[in-house]
Amino acid sequence: MILETNSPEETFRIGVNTGKMAEAGQVFTLTGDLGVGKTVFTQGLAKGLGIDEPVNSPTFTIVQVYEEGRLPFYHFDVYRIGDIEEMDEVGFEEYVEGEGVSLIEWANLIEEILPSKRTEITIEKDLEKGFDYRKITIEEKE
């Protein structure tokens, strides 16, 4: 599925709708360049899960856990990961195989340990279509 947005608010709303439809154990991967709107999408997804506390990229902790929504939400940011072994240290496997919803930013950096069943989300800019234009591709992997 390909969706197009022209504002951060629209990207946020797609995240909200995704969060409302998310199921226990679902894993989302999120890729896109810096500044493309990954955090905005993630904040929307958290809102769709019923999480009201502020959601920001867990840049220095690898994973941030939110438990106040209808399902636990595990937000990973692996941009600064130095070694794939670090994922074992934070309990990556337990999170993605658990009953919560996992979202992994910069998932392409840990491709070899991602579960085969996941929802891949890619956000891209196209400046020819405007500064706020985003193309959001959502693809189910089995």
N, C-alpha and C. Protein backbone atom coordinates (compact mmCIF):
# COMPACT_ATOMS: atom_id res chain seq x y z
N MET A 1 0.84 -1.16 0.00
CA MET A 1 0.00 0.00 0.00
C MET A 1 0.89 1.23 0.00
N ILE A 2 0.55 2.21 -0.82
CA ILE A 2 1.29 3.47 -0.87
C ILE A 2 0.34 4.60 -0.51
N LEU A 3 0.76 5.41 0.48
CA LEU A 3 -0.02 6.56 0.91
C LEU A 3 0.83 7.80 0.71
N GLU A 4 0.18 8.92 0.44
CA GLU A 4 0.90 10.17 0.27
C GLU A 4 0.34 11.19 1.25
N THR A 5 1.26 11.96 1.87
CA THR A 5 0.84 13.01 2.78
C THR A 5 1.51 14.31 2.38
N ASN A 6 0.89 15.41 2.82
CA ASN A 6 1.43 16.73 2.50
C ASN A 6 1.62 17.59 3.74
N SER A 7 1.59 16.96 4.92
CA SER A 7 1.82 17.69 6.16
C SER A 7 2.19 16.70 7.26
N PRO A 8 2.90 17.17 8.28
CA PRO A 8 3.18 16.29 9.41
C PRO A 8 1.90 15.77 10.07
N GLU A 9 0.85 16.60 10.08
CA GLU A 9 -0.42 16.17 10.68
C GLU A 9 -1.01 14.97 9.95
N GLU A 10 -0.90 14.96 8.62
CA GLU A 10 -1.40 13.81 7.85
C GLU A 10 -0.56 12.57 8.14
N THR A 11 0.74 12.72 8.24
CA THR A 11 1.62 11.59 8.57
C THR A 11 1.27 11.06 9.95
N PHE A 12 1.02 11.96 10.89
CA PHE A 12 0.62 11.59 12.25
C PHE A 12 -0.68 10.77 12.21
N ARG A 13 -1.66 11.24 11.42
CA ARG A 13 -2.96 10.54 11.34
C ARG A 13 -2.81 9.13 10.77
N ILE A 14 -1.92 8.95 9.81
CA ILE A 14 -1.68 7.59 9.29
C ILE A 14 -1.10 6.73 10.40
N GLY A 15 -0.22 7.30 11.21
CA GLY A 15 0.31 6.58 12.36
C GLY A 15 -0.79 6.21 13.35
N VAL A 16 -1.69 7.15 13.62
CA VAL A 16 -2.81 6.88 14.54
C VAL A 16 -3.64 5.71 14.03
N ASN A 17 -4.00 5.74 12.76
CA ASN A 17 -4.81 4.67 12.18
C ASN A 17 -4.08 3.33 12.24
N THR A 18 -2.77 3.35 12.01
CA THR A 18 -1.97 2.13 12.09
C THR A 18 -1.99 1.59 13.52
N GLY A 19 -1.84 2.46 14.49
CA GLY A 19 -1.87 2.06 15.89
C GLY A 19 -3.22 1.50 16.31
N LYS A 20 -4.29 2.08 15.80
CA LYS A 20 -5.63 1.57 16.14
C LYS A 20 -5.85 0.16 15.62
N MET A 21 -5.21 -0.17 14.51
CA MET A 21 -5.38 -1.50 13.90
C MET A 21 -4.33 -2.51 14.37
N ALA A 22 -3.31 -2.05 15.08
CA ALA A 22 -2.21 -2.93 15.51
C ALA A 22 -2.72 -4.03 16.44
N GLU A 23 -2.09 -5.18 16.31
CA GLU A 23 -2.48 -6.34 17.10
C GLU A 23 -1.32 -6.78 17.98
N ALA A 24 -1.64 -7.51 19.03
CA ALA A 24 -0.63 -8.03 19.95
C ALA A 24 0.39 -8.85 19.17
N GLY A 25 1.66 -8.61 19.44
CA GLY A 25 2.74 -9.34 18.79
C GLY A 25 3.17 -8.78 17.44
N GLN A 26 2.51 -7.72 16.99
CA GLN A 26 2.84 -7.17 15.68
C GLN A 26 4.16 -6.39 15.73
N VAL A 27 4.97 -6.56 14.68
CA VAL A 27 6.25 -5.89 14.57
C VAL A 27 6.23 -4.99 13.34
N PHE A 28 6.53 -3.71 13.56
CA PHE A 28 6.64 -2.74 12.48
C PHE A 28 8.11 -2.34 12.34
N THR A 29 8.58 -2.28 11.11
CA THR A 29 9.90 -1.71 10.86
C THR A 29 9.69 -0.39 10.16
N LEU A 30 10.53 0.58 10.47
CA LEU A 30 10.36 1.92 9.95
C LEU A 30 11.69 2.43 9.43
N THR A 31 11.73 2.74 8.14
CA THR A 31 12.95 3.25 7.54
C THR A 31 12.66 4.53 6.77
N GLY A 32 13.70 5.33 6.64
CA GLY A 32 13.61 6.59 5.93
C GLY A 32 14.77 7.47 6.37
N ASP A 33 15.11 8.44 5.55
CA ASP A 33 16.22 9.34 5.85
C ASP A 33 15.94 10.16 7.11
N LEU A 34 16.98 10.78 7.64
CA LEU A 34 16.83 11.71 8.76
C LEU A 34 15.87 12.82 8.37
N GLY A 35 14.98 13.19 9.28
CA GLY A 35 14.08 14.31 9.04
C GLY A 35 12.90 14.03 8.14
N VAL A 36 12.64 12.75 7.87
CA VAL A 36 11.57 12.41 6.94
C VAL A 36 10.21 12.26 7.64
N GLY A 37 10.21 12.14 8.96
CA GLY A 37 8.94 12.05 9.69
C GLY A 37 8.73 10.73 10.42
N LYS A 38 9.79 9.99 10.65
CA LYS A 38 9.65 8.71 11.35
C LYS A 38 9.10 8.91 12.77
N THR A 39 9.61 9.93 13.46
CA THR A 39 9.14 10.17 14.82
C THR A 39 7.69 10.63 14.83
N VAL A 40 7.30 11.46 13.89
CA VAL A 40 5.90 11.91 13.79
C VAL A 40 4.98 10.71 13.58
N PHE A 41 5.36 9.82 12.66
CA PHE A 41 4.57 8.61 12.42
C PHE A 41 4.48 7.77 13.70
N THR A 42 5.62 7.61 14.38
CA THR A 42 5.67 6.80 15.60
C THR A 42 4.80 7.41 16.69
N GLN A 43 4.82 8.71 16.83
CA GLN A 43 3.97 9.38 17.81
C GLN A 43 2.50 9.13 17.51
N GLY A 44 2.15 9.13 16.23
CA GLY A 44 0.77 8.82 15.84
C GLY A 44 0.40 7.39 16.17
N LEU A 45 1.31 6.46 15.87
CA LEU A 45 1.06 5.05 16.17
C LEU A 45 0.83 4.86 17.67
N ALA A 46 1.66 5.50 18.49
CA ALA A 46 1.50 5.41 19.95
C ALA A 46 0.14 5.96 20.36
N LYS A 47 -0.25 7.08 19.79
CA LYS A 47 -1.56 7.68 20.09
C LYS A 47 -2.68 6.70 19.73
N GLY A 48 -2.54 6.03 18.59
CA GLY A 48 -3.53 5.04 18.17
C GLY A 48 -3.61 3.85 19.10
N LEU A 49 -2.53 3.60 19.84
CA LEU A 49 -2.52 2.53 20.85
C LEU A 49 -3.07 3.02 22.18
N GLY A 50 -3.40 4.31 22.27
CA GLY A 50 -3.93 4.87 23.51
C GLY A 50 -2.87 5.39 24.46
N ILE A 51 -1.70 5.68 23.95
CA ILE A 51 -0.60 6.20 24.77
C ILE A 51 -0.61 7.72 24.69
N ASP A 52 -0.74 8.36 25.86
CA ASP A 52 -0.82 9.82 25.90
C ASP A 52 0.49 10.49 26.30
N GLU A 53 1.42 9.72 26.89
CA GLU A 53 2.67 10.34 27.31
C GLU A 53 3.53 10.68 26.08
N PRO A 54 4.44 11.64 26.23
CA PRO A 54 5.28 12.03 25.09
C PRO A 54 6.13 10.85 24.58
N VAL A 55 6.19 10.73 23.26
CA VAL A 55 6.97 9.67 22.63
C VAL A 55 8.04 10.33 21.77
N ASN A 56 9.30 10.02 22.09
CA ASN A 56 10.43 10.52 21.32
C ASN A 56 11.33 9.36 20.98
N SER A 57 12.21 9.54 20.02
CA SER A 57 13.13 8.47 19.65
C SER A 57 14.04 8.15 20.83
N PRO A 58 14.16 6.87 21.18
CA PRO A 58 15.02 6.47 22.30
C PRO A 58 16.48 6.35 21.85
N THR A 59 17.01 7.42 21.30
CA THR A 59 18.30 7.42 20.63
C THR A 59 19.44 6.83 21.45
N PHE A 60 19.46 7.09 22.74
CA PHE A 60 20.60 6.64 23.54
C PHE A 60 20.30 5.40 24.37
N THR A 61 19.06 4.92 24.37
CA THR A 61 18.71 3.76 25.17
C THR A 61 18.32 2.55 24.33
N ILE A 62 18.25 2.68 23.05
CA ILE A 62 17.86 1.67 22.06
C ILE A 62 16.37 1.36 22.13
N VAL A 63 15.81 1.13 23.32
CA VAL A 63 14.39 0.81 23.40
C VAL A 63 13.72 1.62 24.51
N GLN A 64 12.52 2.08 24.21
CA GLN A 64 11.68 2.76 25.19
C GLN A 64 10.39 1.96 25.29
N VAL A 65 9.96 1.66 26.50
CA VAL A 65 8.77 0.84 26.72
C VAL A 65 7.64 1.73 27.24
N TYR A 66 6.46 1.60 26.62
CA TYR A 66 5.26 2.31 27.04
C TYR A 66 4.21 1.25 27.35
N GLU A 67 3.64 1.31 28.55
CA GLU A 67 2.70 0.27 28.94
C GLU A 67 1.30 0.79 29.24
N GLU A 68 1.05 2.07 29.03
CA GLU A 68 -0.24 2.63 29.41
C GLU A 68 -1.34 2.45 28.37
N GLY A 69 -1.01 2.02 27.17
CA GLY A 69 -2.00 1.90 26.10
C GLY A 69 -2.75 0.58 26.16
N ARG A 70 -3.54 0.32 25.13
CA ARG A 70 -4.30 -0.93 25.08
C ARG A 70 -3.41 -2.16 24.90
N LEU A 71 -2.19 -1.93 24.39
CA LEU A 71 -1.15 -2.96 24.28
C LEU A 71 0.17 -2.31 24.67
N PRO A 72 1.11 -3.08 25.22
CA PRO A 72 2.43 -2.50 25.46
C PRO A 72 3.06 -2.10 24.12
N PHE A 73 3.83 -1.02 24.15
CA PHE A 73 4.47 -0.51 22.94
C PHE A 73 5.98 -0.45 23.18
N TYR A 74 6.74 -1.12 22.30
CA TYR A 74 8.19 -1.18 22.40
C TYR A 74 8.77 -0.42 21.22
N HIS A 75 9.36 0.73 21.50
CA HIS A 75 9.87 1.62 20.46
C HIS A 75 11.39 1.53 20.43
N PHE A 76 11.92 0.95 19.37
CA PHE A 76 13.36 0.79 19.19
C PHE A 76 13.88 1.85 18.22
N ASP A 77 15.06 2.38 18.51
CA ASP A 77 15.79 3.22 17.56
C ASP A 77 17.20 2.67 17.51
N VAL A 78 17.55 2.02 16.42
CA VAL A 78 18.84 1.34 16.33
C VAL A 78 19.87 2.12 15.50
N TYR A 79 19.61 3.41 15.31
CA TYR A 79 20.49 4.23 14.48
C TYR A 79 21.93 4.22 14.98
N ARG A 80 22.12 4.25 16.28
CA ARG A 80 23.46 4.35 16.85
C ARG A 80 24.01 3.02 17.34
N ILE A 81 23.38 1.94 16.96
CA ILE A 81 23.86 0.64 17.44
C ILE A 81 25.25 0.37 16.87
N GLY A 82 26.15 -0.07 17.73
CA GLY A 82 27.52 -0.32 17.30
C GLY A 82 27.72 -1.75 16.85
N ASP A 83 26.97 -2.67 17.46
CA ASP A 83 27.15 -4.09 17.20
C ASP A 83 25.81 -4.77 17.40
N ILE A 84 25.48 -5.69 16.53
CA ILE A 84 24.19 -6.39 16.59
C ILE A 84 23.99 -7.09 17.94
N GLU A 85 25.10 -7.43 18.61
CA GLU A 85 25.04 -8.08 19.93
C GLU A 85 24.31 -7.21 20.95
N GLU A 86 24.34 -5.89 20.75
CA GLU A 86 23.66 -4.98 21.67
C GLU A 86 22.16 -5.27 21.73
N MET A 87 21.62 -5.80 20.66
CA MET A 87 20.19 -6.10 20.63
C MET A 87 19.85 -7.23 21.61
N ASP A 88 20.75 -8.20 21.76
CA ASP A 88 20.55 -9.26 22.75
C ASP A 88 20.54 -8.68 24.16
N GLU A 89 21.44 -7.72 24.39
CA GLU A 89 21.58 -7.12 25.71
C GLU A 89 20.33 -6.38 26.16
N VAL A 90 19.56 -5.83 25.22
CA VAL A 90 18.33 -5.11 25.60
C VAL A 90 17.11 -6.02 25.58
N GLY A 91 17.29 -7.29 25.25
CA GLY A 91 16.17 -8.23 25.25
C GLY A 91 15.31 -8.14 24.01
N PHE A 92 15.91 -7.80 22.88
CA PHE A 92 15.18 -7.60 21.63
C PHE A 92 14.23 -8.75 21.32
N GLU A 93 14.73 -9.96 21.38
CA GLU A 93 13.92 -11.12 21.00
C GLU A 93 12.68 -11.26 21.88
N GLU A 94 12.84 -11.03 23.19
CA GLU A 94 11.70 -11.13 24.10
C GLU A 94 10.63 -10.09 23.76
N TYR A 95 11.06 -8.89 23.39
CA TYR A 95 10.10 -7.85 23.03
C TYR A 95 9.34 -8.23 21.76
N VAL A 96 10.07 -8.56 20.69
CA VAL A 96 9.40 -8.78 19.41
C VAL A 96 8.59 -10.08 19.38
N GLU A 97 8.87 -10.98 20.30
CA GLU A 97 8.09 -12.21 20.38
C GLU A 97 7.02 -12.13 21.46
N GLY A 98 6.91 -10.97 22.10
CA GLY A 98 5.95 -10.79 23.19
C GLY A 98 4.57 -10.38 22.70
N GLU A 99 3.75 -9.95 23.63
CA GLU A 99 2.36 -9.60 23.35
C GLU A 99 2.14 -8.12 23.07
N GLY A 100 3.22 -7.36 23.00
CA GLY A 100 3.09 -5.94 22.71
C GLY A 100 3.25 -5.66 21.23
N VAL A 101 3.33 -4.39 20.91
CA VAL A 101 3.55 -3.92 19.55
C VAL A 101 4.97 -3.35 19.50
N SER A 102 5.78 -3.82 18.59
CA SER A 102 7.16 -3.33 18.45
C SER A 102 7.27 -2.48 17.19
N LEU A 103 7.98 -1.36 17.32
CA LEU A 103 8.30 -0.52 16.17
C LEU A 103 9.80 -0.28 16.21
N ILE A 104 10.47 -0.57 15.10
CA ILE A 104 11.92 -0.49 15.03
C ILE A 104 12.32 0.54 13.98
N GLU A 105 12.83 1.68 14.45
CA GLU A 105 13.35 2.70 13.52
C GLU A 105 14.74 2.30 13.07
N TRP A 106 15.05 2.56 11.81
CA TRP A 106 16.34 2.22 11.20
C TRP A 106 16.52 0.70 11.15
N ALA A 107 15.42 -0.02 10.96
CA ALA A 107 15.44 -1.48 10.99
C ALA A 107 16.39 -2.09 9.97
N ASN A 108 16.68 -1.39 8.90
CA ASN A 108 17.60 -1.92 7.89
C ASN A 108 18.99 -2.20 8.47
N LEU A 109 19.33 -1.58 9.60
CA LEU A 109 20.63 -1.77 10.22
C LEU A 109 20.74 -3.10 10.98
N ILE A 110 19.59 -3.73 11.25
CA ILE A 110 19.60 -5.02 11.96
C ILE A 110 18.80 -6.06 11.18
N GLU A 111 18.82 -5.93 9.88
CA GLU A 111 18.04 -6.80 8.99
C GLU A 111 18.16 -8.28 9.33
N GLU A 112 19.36 -8.73 9.67
CA GLU A 112 19.59 -10.16 9.86
C GLU A 112 18.89 -10.74 11.08
N ILE A 113 18.41 -9.91 12.02
CA ILE A 113 17.73 -10.47 13.19
C ILE A 113 16.25 -10.10 13.24
N LEU A 114 15.74 -9.46 12.20
CA LEU A 114 14.32 -9.10 12.17
C LEU A 114 13.46 -10.34 11.98
N PRO A 115 12.30 -10.36 12.62
CA PRO A 115 11.40 -11.49 12.38
C PRO A 115 10.92 -11.47 10.92
N SER A 116 10.71 -12.64 10.35
CA SER A 116 10.28 -12.70 8.95
C SER A 116 8.87 -12.12 8.79
N LYS A 117 8.02 -12.33 9.78
CA LYS A 117 6.66 -11.77 9.74
C LYS A 117 6.70 -10.39 10.38
N ARG A 118 6.52 -9.37 9.53
CA ARG A 118 6.57 -7.99 10.00
C ARG A 118 5.88 -7.08 9.00
N THR A 119 5.61 -5.87 9.44
CA THR A 119 5.05 -4.84 8.57
C THR A 119 6.14 -3.81 8.33
N GLU A 120 6.59 -3.70 7.09
CA GLU A 120 7.65 -2.75 6.74
C GLU A 120 7.04 -1.43 6.28
N ILE A 121 7.50 -0.36 6.90
CA ILE A 121 7.02 0.99 6.57
C ILE A 121 8.23 1.82 6.14
N THR A 122 8.13 2.40 4.97
CA THR A 122 9.19 3.27 4.45
C THR A 122 8.59 4.64 4.19
N ILE A 123 9.26 5.67 4.69
CA ILE A 123 8.81 7.05 4.46
C ILE A 123 9.88 7.74 3.61
N GLU A 124 9.43 8.37 2.52
CA GLU A 124 10.35 9.04 1.61
C GLU A 124 9.86 10.46 1.31
N LYS A 125 10.81 11.36 1.07
CA LYS A 125 10.52 12.72 0.62
C LYS A 125 10.61 12.77 -0.90
N ASP A 126 9.96 13.76 -1.48
CA ASP A 126 10.16 14.11 -2.89
C ASP A 126 10.00 15.61 -2.97
N LEU A 127 11.10 16.33 -2.90
CA LEU A 127 11.06 17.79 -2.84
C LEU A 127 10.39 18.42 -4.06
N GLU A 128 10.37 17.69 -5.19
CA GLU A 128 9.69 18.22 -6.37
C GLU A 128 8.18 18.31 -6.14
N LYS A 129 7.67 17.52 -5.19
CA LYS A 129 6.24 17.55 -4.88
C LYS A 129 5.94 18.43 -3.67
N GLY A 130 6.96 19.07 -3.12
CA GLY A 130 6.76 19.98 -1.99
C GLY A 130 7.57 19.57 -0.78
N PHE A 131 7.89 20.56 0.06
CA PHE A 131 8.73 20.33 1.22
C PHE A 131 8.10 19.34 2.20
N ASP A 132 6.79 19.38 2.36
CA ASP A 132 6.11 18.52 3.34
C ASP A 132 5.56 17.22 2.74
N TYR A 133 5.75 17.02 1.44
CA TYR A 133 5.26 15.79 0.80
C TYR A 133 6.01 14.57 1.33
N ARG A 134 5.25 13.50 1.62
CA ARG A 134 5.85 12.23 2.03
C ARG A 134 5.12 11.09 1.31
N LYS A 135 5.89 10.12 0.88
CA LYS A 135 5.36 8.87 0.32
C LYS A 135 5.59 7.80 1.37
N ILE A 136 4.53 7.19 1.84
CA ILE A 136 4.61 6.17 2.89
C ILE A 136 4.20 4.83 2.27
N THR A 137 5.15 3.91 2.24
CA THR A 137 4.91 2.58 1.68
C THR A 137 4.79 1.60 2.85
N ILE A 138 3.68 0.85 2.86
CA ILE A 138 3.44 -0.14 3.91
C ILE A 138 3.32 -1.50 3.24
N GLU A 139 4.16 -2.44 3.67
CA GLU A 139 4.21 -3.75 3.04
C GLU A 139 4.29 -4.85 4.09
N GLU A 140 3.40 -5.83 3.97
CA GLU A 140 3.41 -6.97 4.88
C GLU A 140 4.42 -8.01 4.41
N LYS A 141 5.23 -8.50 5.33
CA LYS A 141 6.19 -9.57 5.04
C LYS A 141 5.79 -10.80 5.83
N GLU A 142 5.95 -11.95 5.23
CA GLU A 142 5.60 -13.20 5.92
C GLU A 142 6.83 -14.02 6.21
